[in-house]
Amino acid sequence: MSERFRGHGHESSESPLQPSQYVEYYEAAQPHEEHEEHHEEHYEEHHEAEYASLPSRRSSRVSQRVRRRRRSVAFFVILVLFVGVVFFAVQAIKPMLGGLQAADYPGPGTGTVEIIVPDGATGRTVATELKEKDVVASEQAFLEALTAADGTAALQPGTFSMKAQMKASDAVSVLLAVSNDKVHYAAVAQNLRIKDTLAVLAEGTGISESEFEVLANQPALFGLPAQAKNLEGYLSPGEYRFPIELDAKGILSEMVAATEKSLTEAGVTDPADQYRVRHDRQHHRI
């Protein structure tokens, strides 16, 4: 019996642990269990952080879209305000812009000023000539009136009788002869005798030829030297557009002035010399 007990004890070599052995087993297993618990805690913390970051990222993207939308709205509002300010500012100063318009005379002008438009002259060169002779108040006013009349390409060469301090639009009308009611046109050809010249003037202006003849025989009225017996040789040829208010004396004065100007530009300034040159030319023409 004692052997069977011993044999049984032999067969049960893995007999239950003694109390002291339980303590040892527990202490040996404790680090492993703590490691597993730590791993589980780390896993839970990691996933909790990851899950927690998902709403944060989503809210960040939403916040960016909101900020961009707000910036767009703010920019649009600022733009609208700027346009509104500019509009009202322009409306406020518009009445003052009239002071910035090109200077212009009210007209109708005074006296007689001879203007010669050379062949190929442009609106700018004519404007400069008119301004220098005080026919118009400013080149810009004349150019604007010329453009309004579509006359930039319609300027014709010739000698024109104008006035000092004319309204720009009136000066344009004279140069363009836009209406027979405002100007009289006369084309005096080269080498015409005085009688033929006076006939052309009478036809173009409606003034009687006899009235021109009476004046043409009084050269002193036009400041010519005593040697001159009439206006023969002093009536410069060219295309003329005479204002309708210009009388026979004014028309002849304009033509004489054109002749004297051409002689002066040629270097012949003395009236006696001018008469001699005109007389010689007339003699050779005969």
C-alpha atoms as a PDB file:
ATOM      1  CA  MET A   1       0.000   0.000   0.000  1.00  0.00           C
ATOM      2  CA  SER A   2       2.745   2.191   0.740  1.00  0.00           C
ATOM      3  CA  GLU A   3       4.287   1.271  -2.651  1.00  0.00           C
ATOM      4  CA  ARG A   4       1.123   2.128  -4.489  1.00  0.00           C
ATOM      5  CA  PHE A   5       1.058   5.406  -2.790  1.00  0.00           C
ATOM      6  CA  ARG A   6       4.597   5.999  -3.731  1.00  0.00           C
ATOM      7  CA  GLY A   7       3.907   4.838  -7.283  1.00  0.00           C
ATOM      8  CA  HIS A   8       0.977   7.101  -7.532  1.00  0.00           C
ATOM      9  CA  GLY A   9       3.147   9.849  -6.284  1.00  0.00           C
ATOM     10  CA  HIS A  10       5.625   8.946  -8.990  1.00  0.00           C
ATOM     11  CA  GLU A  11       2.981   8.989 -11.696  1.00  0.00           C
ATOM     12  CA  SER A  12       1.800  12.344 -10.469  1.00  0.00           C
ATOM     13  CA  SER A  13       5.104  13.970 -10.957  1.00  0.00           C
ATOM     14  CA  GLU A  14       3.242  17.102 -12.077  1.00  0.00           C
ATOM     15  CA  SER A  15       1.320  17.314  -8.907  1.00  0.00           C
ATOM     16  CA  PRO A  16      -0.362  20.588  -7.972  1.00  0.00           C
ATOM     17  CA  LEU A  17       1.978  23.331  -6.982  1.00  0.00           C
ATOM     18  CA  GLN A  18       2.711  23.966  -3.440  1.00  0.00           C
ATOM     19  CA  PRO A  19       1.747  27.306  -1.984  1.00  0.00           C
ATOM     20  CA  SER A  20       5.279  28.555  -2.222  1.00  0.00           C
ATOM     21  CA  GLN A  21       5.405  27.524  -5.854  1.00  0.00           C
ATOM     22  CA  TYR A  22       2.166  29.484  -6.604  1.00  0.00           C
ATOM     23  CA  VAL A  23       3.874  32.572  -5.403  1.00  0.00           C
ATOM     24  CA  GLU A  24       6.858  31.951  -7.620  1.00  0.00           C
ATOM     25  CA  TYR A  25       4.624  31.255 -10.661  1.00  0.00           C
ATOM     26  CA  TYR A  26       2.600  34.374 -10.127  1.00  0.00           C
ATOM     27  CA  GLU A  27       5.670  36.521  -9.796  1.00  0.00           C
ATOM     28  CA  ALA A  28       7.138  34.982 -12.995  1.00  0.00           C
ATOM     29  CA  ALA A  29       3.950  35.552 -14.971  1.00  0.00           C
ATOM     30  CA  GLN A  30       3.345  39.070 -13.703  1.00  0.00           C
ATOM     31  CA  PRO A  31       5.722  40.907 -16.103  1.00  0.00           C
ATOM     32  CA  HIS A  32       4.145  39.253 -19.110  1.00  0.00           C
ATOM     33  CA  GLU A  33       0.670  40.197 -17.999  1.00  0.00           C
ATOM     34  CA  GLU A  34       1.769  43.741 -17.306  1.00  0.00           C
ATOM     35  CA  HIS A  35       3.295  43.886 -20.796  1.00  0.00           C
ATOM     36  CA  GLU A  36       0.044  42.748 -22.337  1.00  0.00           C
ATOM     37  CA  GLU A  37      -1.909  45.278 -20.332  1.00  0.00           C
ATOM     38  CA  HIS A  38       0.533  48.020 -21.362  1.00  0.00           C
ATOM     39  CA  HIS A  39       0.216  46.973 -25.019  1.00  0.00           C
ATOM     40  CA  GLU A  40      -3.542  47.029 -24.776  1.00  0.00           C
ATOM     41  CA  GLU A  41      -3.453  50.456 -23.171  1.00  0.00           C
ATOM     42  CA  HIS A  42      -1.054  51.748 -25.874  1.00  0.00           C
ATOM     43  CA  TYR A  43      -3.274  50.308 -28.619  1.00  0.00           C
ATOM     44  CA  GLU A  44      -6.354  51.905 -27.145  1.00  0.00           C
ATOM     45  CA  GLU A  45      -4.597  55.242 -26.721  1.00  0.00           C
ATOM     46  CA  HIS A  46      -3.253  55.125 -30.331  1.00  0.00           C
ATOM     47  CA  HIS A  47      -6.629  54.403 -31.834  1.00  0.00           C
ATOM     48  CA  GLU A  48      -8.336  56.888 -29.598  1.00  0.00           C
ATOM     49  CA  ALA A  49      -5.871  59.547 -30.835  1.00  0.00           C
ATOM     50  CA  GLU A  50      -6.406  58.474 -34.446  1.00  0.00           C
ATOM     51  CA  TYR A  51     -10.163  58.529 -34.100  1.00  0.00           C
ATOM     52  CA  ALA A  52      -9.962  61.827 -32.304  1.00  0.00           C
ATOM     53  CA  SER A  53      -7.885  63.308 -35.172  1.00  0.00           C
ATOM     54  CA  LEU A  54     -10.482  62.473 -37.822  1.00  0.00           C
ATOM     55  CA  PRO A  55     -13.023  65.117 -36.759  1.00  0.00           C
ATOM     56  CA  SER A  56     -10.187  67.568 -36.209  1.00  0.00           C
ATOM     57  CA  ARG A  57      -8.943  67.165 -39.818  1.00  0.00           C
ATOM     58  CA  ARG A  58     -12.457  67.405 -41.183  1.00  0.00           C
ATOM     59  CA  SER A  59     -13.148  70.558 -39.194  1.00  0.00           C
ATOM     60  CA  SER A  60      -9.846  72.003 -40.418  1.00  0.00           C
ATOM     61  CA  ARG A  61     -10.862  71.543 -44.062  1.00  0.00           C
ATOM     62  CA  VAL A  62     -14.258  73.055 -43.357  1.00  0.00           C
ATOM     63  CA  SER A  63     -12.602  76.009 -41.639  1.00  0.00           C
ATOM     64  CA  GLN A  64     -10.355  76.605 -44.666  1.00  0.00           C
ATOM     65  CA  ARG A  65     -13.341  76.632 -47.014  1.00  0.00           C
ATOM     66  CA  VAL A  66     -15.170  79.019 -44.729  1.00  0.00           C
ATOM     67  CA  ARG A  67     -12.163  81.345 -44.574  1.00  0.00           C
ATOM     68  CA  ARG A  68     -11.805  81.327 -48.369  1.00  0.00           C
ATOM     69  CA  ARG A  69     -15.504  82.067 -48.764  1.00  0.00           C
ATOM     70  CA  ARG A  70     -15.275  84.903 -46.286  1.00  0.00           C
ATOM     71  CA  ARG A  71     -12.267  86.365 -48.095  1.00  0.00           C
ATOM     72  CA  SER A  72     -14.128  86.206 -51.421  1.00  0.00           C
ATOM     73  CA  VAL A  73     -17.167  87.915 -49.941  1.00  0.00           C
ATOM     74  CA  ALA A  74     -14.996  90.575 -48.318  1.00  0.00           C
ATOM     75  CA  PHE A  75     -13.163  91.236 -51.595  1.00  0.00           C
ATOM     76  CA  PHE A  76     -16.454  91.549 -53.479  1.00  0.00           C
ATOM     77  CA  VAL A  77     -17.846  93.960 -50.902  1.00  0.00           C
ATOM     78  CA  ILE A  78     -14.695  96.099 -51.063  1.00  0.00           C
ATOM     79  CA  LEU A  79     -14.832  96.132 -54.858  1.00  0.00           C
ATOM     80  CA  VAL A  80     -18.471  97.240 -54.858  1.00  0.00           C
ATOM     81  CA  LEU A  81     -17.702  99.971 -52.353  1.00  0.00           C
ATOM     82  CA  PHE A  82     -14.741 101.163 -54.427  1.00  0.00           C
ATOM     83  CA  VAL A  83     -16.810 101.331 -57.622  1.00  0.00           C
ATOM     84  CA  GLY A  84     -19.514 103.202 -55.758  1.00  0.00           C
ATOM     85  CA  VAL A  85     -17.054 105.731 -54.351  1.00  0.00           C
ATOM     86  CA  VAL A  86     -15.522 106.324 -57.798  1.00  0.00           C
ATOM     87  CA  PHE A  87     -18.943 106.759 -59.389  1.00  0.00           C
ATOM     88  CA  PHE A  88     -20.126 109.306 -56.858  1.00  0.00           C
ATOM     89  CA  ALA A  89     -16.785 111.120 -56.989  1.00  0.00           C
ATOM     90  CA  VAL A  90     -17.058 111.477 -60.767  1.00  0.00           C
ATOM     91  CA  GLN A  91     -20.626 112.707 -60.464  1.00  0.00           C
ATOM     92  CA  ALA A  92     -19.511 115.226 -57.864  1.00  0.00           C
ATOM     93  CA  ILE A  93     -16.673 116.699 -59.906  1.00  0.00           C
ATOM     94  CA  LYS A  94     -18.376 116.495 -63.294  1.00  0.00           C
ATOM     95  CA  PRO A  95     -19.694 120.071 -63.054  1.00  0.00           C
ATOM     96  CA  MET A  96     -16.133 121.251 -62.495  1.00  0.00           C
ATOM     97  CA  LEU A  97     -14.817 119.452 -65.567  1.00  0.00           C
ATOM     98  CA  GLY A  98     -16.241 122.178 -67.747  1.00  0.00           C
ATOM     99  CA  GLY A  99     -13.284 124.320 -66.692  1.00  0.00           C
ATOM    100  CA  LEU A 100     -11.003 121.760 -68.322  1.00  0.00           C
ATOM    101  CA  GLN A 101     -12.567 122.172 -71.776  1.00  0.00           C
ATOM    102  CA  ALA A 102     -10.471 123.654 -74.550  1.00  0.00           C
ATOM    103  CA  ALA A 103     -10.501 127.435 -74.531  1.00  0.00           C
ATOM    104  CA  ASP A 104     -12.768 128.947 -77.177  1.00  0.00           C
ATOM    105  CA  TYR A 105     -13.831 132.462 -78.072  1.00  0.00           C
ATOM    106  CA  PRO A 106     -17.558 133.249 -78.084  1.00  0.00           C
ATOM    107  CA  GLY A 107     -17.209 134.953 -81.489  1.00  0.00           C
ATOM    108  CA  PRO A 108     -18.045 136.353 -83.912  1.00  0.00           C
ATOM    109  CA  GLY A 109     -14.652 138.083 -83.872  1.00  0.00           C
ATOM    110  CA  THR A 110     -13.298 141.409 -85.063  1.00  0.00           C
ATOM    111  CA  GLY A 111     -11.175 142.811 -87.854  1.00  0.00           C
ATOM    112  CA  THR A 112      -9.715 140.840 -90.732  1.00  0.00           C
ATOM    113  CA  VAL A 113      -7.013 138.187 -90.542  1.00  0.00           C
ATOM    114  CA  GLU A 114      -5.650 136.488 -93.618  1.00  0.00           C
ATOM    115  CA  ILE A 115      -5.025 132.774 -93.352  1.00  0.00           C
ATOM    116  CA  ILE A 116      -3.211 130.870 -96.071  1.00  0.00           C
ATOM    117  CA  VAL A 117      -3.678 127.125 -96.116  1.00  0.00           C
ATOM    118  CA  PRO A 118      -0.860 125.552 -98.139  1.00  0.00           C
ATOM    119  CA  ASP A 119      -1.290 122.446-100.221  1.00  0.00           C
ATOM    120  CA  GLY A 120      -1.061 119.315 -98.063  1.00  0.00           C
ATOM    121  CA  ALA A 121      -1.728 121.159 -94.816  1.00  0.00           C
ATOM    122  CA  THR A 122      -3.045 119.081 -91.941  1.00  0.00           C
ATOM    123  CA  GLY A 123      -5.570 120.041 -89.316  1.00  0.00           C
ATOM    124  CA  ARG A 124      -2.765 120.394 -86.781  1.00  0.00           C
ATOM    125  CA  THR A 125      -0.719 122.821 -88.909  1.00  0.00           C
ATOM    126  CA  VAL A 126      -3.799 124.929 -89.663  1.00  0.00           C
ATOM    127  CA  ALA A 127      -4.716 124.933 -85.960  1.00  0.00           C
ATOM    128  CA  THR A 128      -1.234 126.189 -85.102  1.00  0.00           C
ATOM    129  CA  GLU A 129      -1.518 128.978 -87.679  1.00  0.00           C
ATOM    130  CA  LEU A 130      -4.941 130.027 -86.393  1.00  0.00           C
ATOM    131  CA  LYS A 131      -3.766 130.058 -82.794  1.00  0.00           C
ATOM    132  CA  GLU A 132      -0.644 132.077 -83.594  1.00  0.00           C
ATOM    133  CA  LYS A 133      -2.756 134.714 -85.352  1.00  0.00           C
ATOM    134  CA  ASP A 134      -5.332 134.721 -82.536  1.00  0.00           C
ATOM    135  CA  VAL A 135      -8.113 133.584 -84.844  1.00  0.00           C
ATOM    136  CA  VAL A 136      -9.013 130.843 -82.353  1.00  0.00           C
ATOM    137  CA  ALA A 137      -8.434 130.665 -78.623  1.00  0.00           C
ATOM    138  CA  SER A 138      -6.761 127.243 -78.698  1.00  0.00           C
ATOM    139  CA  GLU A 139      -5.600 124.633 -81.157  1.00  0.00           C
ATOM    140  CA  GLN A 140      -7.601 121.974 -79.322  1.00  0.00           C
ATOM    141  CA  ALA A 141     -10.883 123.847 -79.723  1.00  0.00           C
ATOM    142  CA  PHE A 142     -10.310 124.140 -83.466  1.00  0.00           C
ATOM    143  CA  LEU A 143      -9.334 120.479 -83.848  1.00  0.00           C
ATOM    144  CA  GLU A 144     -12.395 119.353 -81.907  1.00  0.00           C
ATOM    145  CA  ALA A 145     -14.658 121.502 -84.100  1.00  0.00           C
ATOM    146  CA  LEU A 146     -12.912 120.212 -87.224  1.00  0.00           C
ATOM    147  CA  THR A 147     -13.428 116.612 -86.136  1.00  0.00           C
ATOM    148  CA  ALA A 148     -17.071 117.273 -85.289  1.00  0.00           C
ATOM    149  CA  ALA A 149     -17.567 118.625 -88.836  1.00  0.00           C
ATOM    150  CA  ASP A 150     -15.775 115.594 -90.357  1.00  0.00           C
ATOM    151  CA  GLY A 151     -13.506 118.081 -92.061  1.00  0.00           C
ATOM    152  CA  THR A 152     -10.054 116.704 -91.247  1.00  0.00           C
ATOM    153  CA  ALA A 153      -9.650 115.364 -94.777  1.00  0.00           C
ATOM    154  CA  ALA A 154     -11.621 118.172 -96.431  1.00  0.00           C
ATOM    155  CA  LEU A 155      -9.188 121.037 -95.914  1.00  0.00           C
ATOM    156  CA  GLN A 156      -8.375 122.724 -99.206  1.00  0.00           C
ATOM    157  CA  PRO A 157      -5.442 125.009 -99.980  1.00  0.00           C
ATOM    158  CA  GLY A 158      -6.189 128.667-100.437  1.00  0.00           C
ATOM    159  CA  THR A 159      -6.253 132.072 -98.860  1.00  0.00           C
ATOM    160  CA  PHE A 160      -9.023 132.733 -96.377  1.00  0.00           C
ATOM    161  CA  SER A 161     -10.253 135.946 -94.847  1.00  0.00           C
ATOM    162  CA  MET A 162     -11.079 135.368 -91.198  1.00  0.00           C
ATOM    163  CA  LYS A 163     -11.447 137.412 -88.056  1.00  0.00           C
ATOM    164  CA  ALA A 164      -9.536 137.697 -84.841  1.00  0.00           C
ATOM    165  CA  GLN A 165     -11.016 135.779 -81.896  1.00  0.00           C
ATOM    166  CA  MET A 166     -13.536 133.728 -83.812  1.00  0.00           C
ATOM    167  CA  LYS A 167     -15.501 130.848 -82.378  1.00  0.00           C
ATOM    168  CA  ALA A 168     -13.705 127.652 -83.401  1.00  0.00           C
ATOM    169  CA  SER A 169     -16.730 126.178 -85.169  1.00  0.00           C
ATOM    170  CA  ASP A 170     -17.123 129.394 -87.194  1.00  0.00           C
ATOM    171  CA  ALA A 171     -13.488 129.225 -88.238  1.00  0.00           C
ATOM    172  CA  VAL A 172     -14.034 125.648 -89.389  1.00  0.00           C
ATOM    173  CA  SER A 173     -17.090 126.715 -91.386  1.00  0.00           C
ATOM    174  CA  VAL A 174     -15.049 129.312 -93.215  1.00  0.00           C
ATOM    175  CA  LEU A 175     -12.277 126.872 -94.050  1.00  0.00           C
ATOM    176  CA  LEU A 176     -14.621 124.108 -95.188  1.00  0.00           C
ATOM    177  CA  ALA A 177     -17.207 126.319 -96.887  1.00  0.00           C
ATOM    178  CA  VAL A 178     -19.824 123.980 -95.500  1.00  0.00           C
ATOM    179  CA  SER A 179     -22.633 126.296 -96.507  1.00  0.00           C
ATOM    180  CA  ASN A 180     -23.041 128.935 -99.175  1.00  0.00           C
ATOM    181  CA  ASP A 181     -25.026 130.894 -96.609  1.00  0.00           C
ATOM    182  CA  LYS A 182     -21.887 131.357 -94.496  1.00  0.00           C
ATOM    183  CA  VAL A 183     -19.110 131.864 -97.050  1.00  0.00           C
ATOM    184  CA  HIS A 184     -18.606 132.927-100.642  1.00  0.00           C
ATOM    185  CA  TYR A 185     -16.233 130.883-102.764  1.00  0.00           C
ATOM    186  CA  ALA A 186     -14.083 132.424-105.486  1.00  0.00           C
ATOM    187  CA  ALA A 187     -11.277 130.734-107.421  1.00  0.00           C
ATOM    188  CA  VAL A 188      -8.924 133.304-108.929  1.00  0.00           C
ATOM    189  CA  ALA A 189      -6.633 131.733-111.497  1.00  0.00           C
ATOM    190  CA  GLN A 190      -3.038 132.759-112.240  1.00  0.00           C
ATOM    191  CA  ASN A 191      -2.237 135.482-114.765  1.00  0.00           C
ATOM    192  CA  LEU A 192      -5.711 137.021-114.904  1.00  0.00           C
ATOM    193  CA  ARG A 193      -6.007 140.688-115.776  1.00  0.00           C
ATOM    194  CA  ILE A 194      -7.638 142.856-113.121  1.00  0.00           C
ATOM    195  CA  LYS A 195     -10.947 143.122-115.035  1.00  0.00           C
ATOM    196  CA  ASP A 196     -11.207 139.317-115.260  1.00  0.00           C
ATOM    197  CA  THR A 197     -10.310 138.982-111.587  1.00  0.00           C
ATOM    198  CA  LEU A 198     -13.040 141.409-110.559  1.00  0.00           C
ATOM    199  CA  ALA A 199     -15.536 139.511-112.689  1.00  0.00           C
ATOM    200  CA  VAL A 200     -14.663 136.258-110.867  1.00  0.00           C
ATOM    201  CA  LEU A 201     -15.091 138.008-107.505  1.00  0.00           C
ATOM    202  CA  ALA A 202     -18.449 139.433-108.494  1.00  0.00           C
ATOM    203  CA  GLU A 203     -19.705 136.031-109.627  1.00  0.00           C
ATOM    204  CA  GLY A 204     -18.529 134.266-106.474  1.00  0.00           C
ATOM    205  CA  THR A 205     -19.712 136.820-103.934  1.00  0.00           C
ATOM    206  CA  GLY A 206     -22.794 138.337-105.496  1.00  0.00           C
ATOM    207  CA  ILE A 207     -21.304 141.818-105.111  1.00  0.00           C
ATOM    208  CA  SER A 208     -21.544 143.889-108.269  1.00  0.00           C
ATOM    209  CA  GLU A 209     -18.477 144.115-110.458  1.00  0.00           C
ATOM    210  CA  SER A 210     -18.833 147.887-110.652  1.00  0.00           C
ATOM    211  CA  GLU A 211     -18.449 148.162-106.873  1.00  0.00           C
ATOM    212  CA  PHE A 212     -15.198 146.229-107.092  1.00  0.00           C
ATOM    213  CA  GLU A 213     -14.017 148.444-109.969  1.00  0.00           C
ATOM    214  CA  VAL A 214     -14.560 151.664-108.012  1.00  0.00           C
ATOM    215  CA  LEU A 215     -12.461 150.373-105.144  1.00  0.00           C
ATOM    216  CA  ALA A 216      -9.807 148.829-107.367  1.00  0.00           C
ATOM    217  CA  ASN A 217      -9.096 152.255-108.837  1.00  0.00           C
ATOM    218  CA  GLN A 218      -8.327 153.710-105.398  1.00  0.00           C
ATOM    219  CA  PRO A 219      -5.130 151.881-104.380  1.00  0.00           C
ATOM    220  CA  ALA A 220      -4.431 154.399-101.626  1.00  0.00           C
ATOM    221  CA  LEU A 221      -7.371 152.894 -99.709  1.00  0.00           C
ATOM    222  CA  PHE A 222      -5.284 149.749 -99.388  1.00  0.00           C
ATOM    223  CA  GLY A 223      -2.058 151.434 -98.322  1.00  0.00           C
ATOM    224  CA  LEU A 224      -0.298 151.049-101.669  1.00  0.00           C
ATOM    225  CA  PRO A 225       2.404 153.482-102.837  1.00  0.00           C
ATOM    226  CA  ALA A 226       1.485 156.498-104.950  1.00  0.00           C
ATOM    227  CA  GLN A 227       3.001 154.907-108.050  1.00  0.00           C
ATOM    228  CA  ALA A 228       0.210 152.348-108.126  1.00  0.00           C
ATOM    229  CA  LYS A 229      -2.671 153.481-110.333  1.00  0.00           C
ATOM    230  CA  ASN A 230      -4.968 150.611-109.415  1.00  0.00           C
ATOM    231  CA  LEU A 231      -4.844 147.140-107.909  1.00  0.00           C
ATOM    232  CA  GLU A 232      -3.410 145.536-111.005  1.00  0.00           C
ATOM    233  CA  GLY A 233      -0.863 142.939-109.893  1.00  0.00           C
ATOM    234  CA  TYR A 234      -1.912 143.168-106.238  1.00  0.00           C
ATOM    235  CA  LEU A 235      -4.838 140.748-106.291  1.00  0.00           C
ATOM    236  CA  SER A 236      -3.201 137.451-105.377  1.00  0.00           C
ATOM    237  CA  PRO A 237      -4.586 134.375-107.140  1.00  0.00           C
ATOM    238  CA  GLY A 238      -5.925 131.438-105.151  1.00  0.00           C
ATOM    239  CA  GLU A 239      -9.036 129.754-103.825  1.00  0.00           C
ATOM    240  CA  TYR A 240     -10.950 132.048-101.514  1.00  0.00           C
ATOM    241  CA  ARG A 241     -13.825 131.420 -99.111  1.00  0.00           C
ATOM    242  CA  PHE A 242     -15.077 134.833 -98.041  1.00  0.00           C
ATOM    243  CA  PRO A 243     -17.444 135.207 -95.071  1.00  0.00           C
ATOM    244  CA  ILE A 244     -20.759 136.551 -96.339  1.00  0.00           C
ATOM    245  CA  GLU A 245     -20.526 139.583 -94.075  1.00  0.00           C
ATOM    246  CA  LEU A 246     -17.281 140.655 -95.765  1.00  0.00           C
ATOM    247  CA  ASP A 247     -17.869 143.606 -98.111  1.00  0.00           C
ATOM    248  CA  ALA A 248     -16.085 144.424-101.376  1.00  0.00           C
ATOM    249  CA  LYS A 249     -13.359 146.432 -99.643  1.00  0.00           C
ATOM    250  CA  GLY A 250     -12.709 143.632 -97.165  1.00  0.00           C
ATOM    251  CA  ILE A 251     -12.437 141.095 -99.994  1.00  0.00           C
ATOM    252  CA  LEU A 252      -9.964 143.215-101.977  1.00  0.00           C
ATOM    253  CA  SER A 253      -8.003 143.968 -98.778  1.00  0.00           C
ATOM    254  CA  GLU A 254      -7.602 140.268 -98.135  1.00  0.00           C
ATOM    255  CA  MET A 255      -6.251 139.653-101.627  1.00  0.00           C
ATOM    256  CA  VAL A 256      -3.838 142.593-101.423  1.00  0.00           C
ATOM    257  CA  ALA A 257      -2.619 141.382 -98.015  1.00  0.00           C
ATOM    258  CA  ALA A 258      -1.929 137.948 -99.496  1.00  0.00           C
ATOM    259  CA  THR A 259       0.235 139.515-102.190  1.00  0.00           C
ATOM    260  CA  GLU A 260       2.177 141.670 -99.730  1.00  0.00           C
ATOM    261  CA  LYS A 261       2.754 138.666 -97.493  1.00  0.00           C
ATOM    262  CA  SER A 262       4.187 136.591-100.334  1.00  0.00           C
ATOM    263  CA  LEU A 263       6.524 139.451-101.285  1.00  0.00           C
ATOM    264  CA  THR A 264       7.637 139.927 -97.688  1.00  0.00           C
ATOM    265  CA  GLU A 265       8.373 136.221 -97.348  1.00  0.00           C
ATOM    266  CA  ALA A 266      10.442 136.507-100.533  1.00  0.00           C
ATOM    267  CA  GLY A 267      12.510 139.260 -98.887  1.00  0.00           C
ATOM    268  CA  VAL A 268      10.851 142.242-100.579  1.00  0.00           C
ATOM    269  CA  THR A 269       9.665 144.376 -97.668  1.00  0.00           C
ATOM    270  CA  ASP A 270       9.780 147.974 -98.920  1.00  0.00           C
ATOM    271  CA  PRO A 271       6.447 149.098-100.448  1.00  0.00           C
ATOM    272  CA  ALA A 272       8.227 150.826-103.341  1.00  0.00           C
ATOM    273  CA  ASP A 273      10.182 147.668-104.092  1.00  0.00           C
ATOM    274  CA  GLN A 274       7.018 145.632-103.856  1.00  0.00           C
ATOM    275  CA  TYR A 275       5.359 147.880-106.412  1.00  0.00           C
ATOM    276  CA  ARG A 276       8.314 147.568-108.767  1.00  0.00           C
ATOM    277  CA  VAL A 277       8.310 143.765-108.517  1.00  0.00           C
ATOM    278  CA  ARG A 278       4.588 143.608-109.171  1.00  0.00           C
ATOM    279  CA  HIS A 279       4.890 146.081-112.032  1.00  0.00           C
ATOM    280  CA  ASP A 280       7.713 144.119-113.627  1.00  0.00           C
ATOM    281  CA  ARG A 281       5.803 140.856-113.331  1.00  0.00           C
ATOM    282  CA  GLN A 282       2.740 142.494-114.841  1.00  0.00           C
ATOM    283  CA  HIS A 283       4.827 143.951-117.666  1.00  0.00           C
ATOM    284  CA  HIS A 284       6.388 140.583-118.505  1.00  0.00           C
ATOM    285  CA  ARG A 285       2.991 138.930-118.379  1.00  0.00           C
ATOM    286  CA  ILE A 286       1.676 141.423-120.910  1.00  0.00           C
END
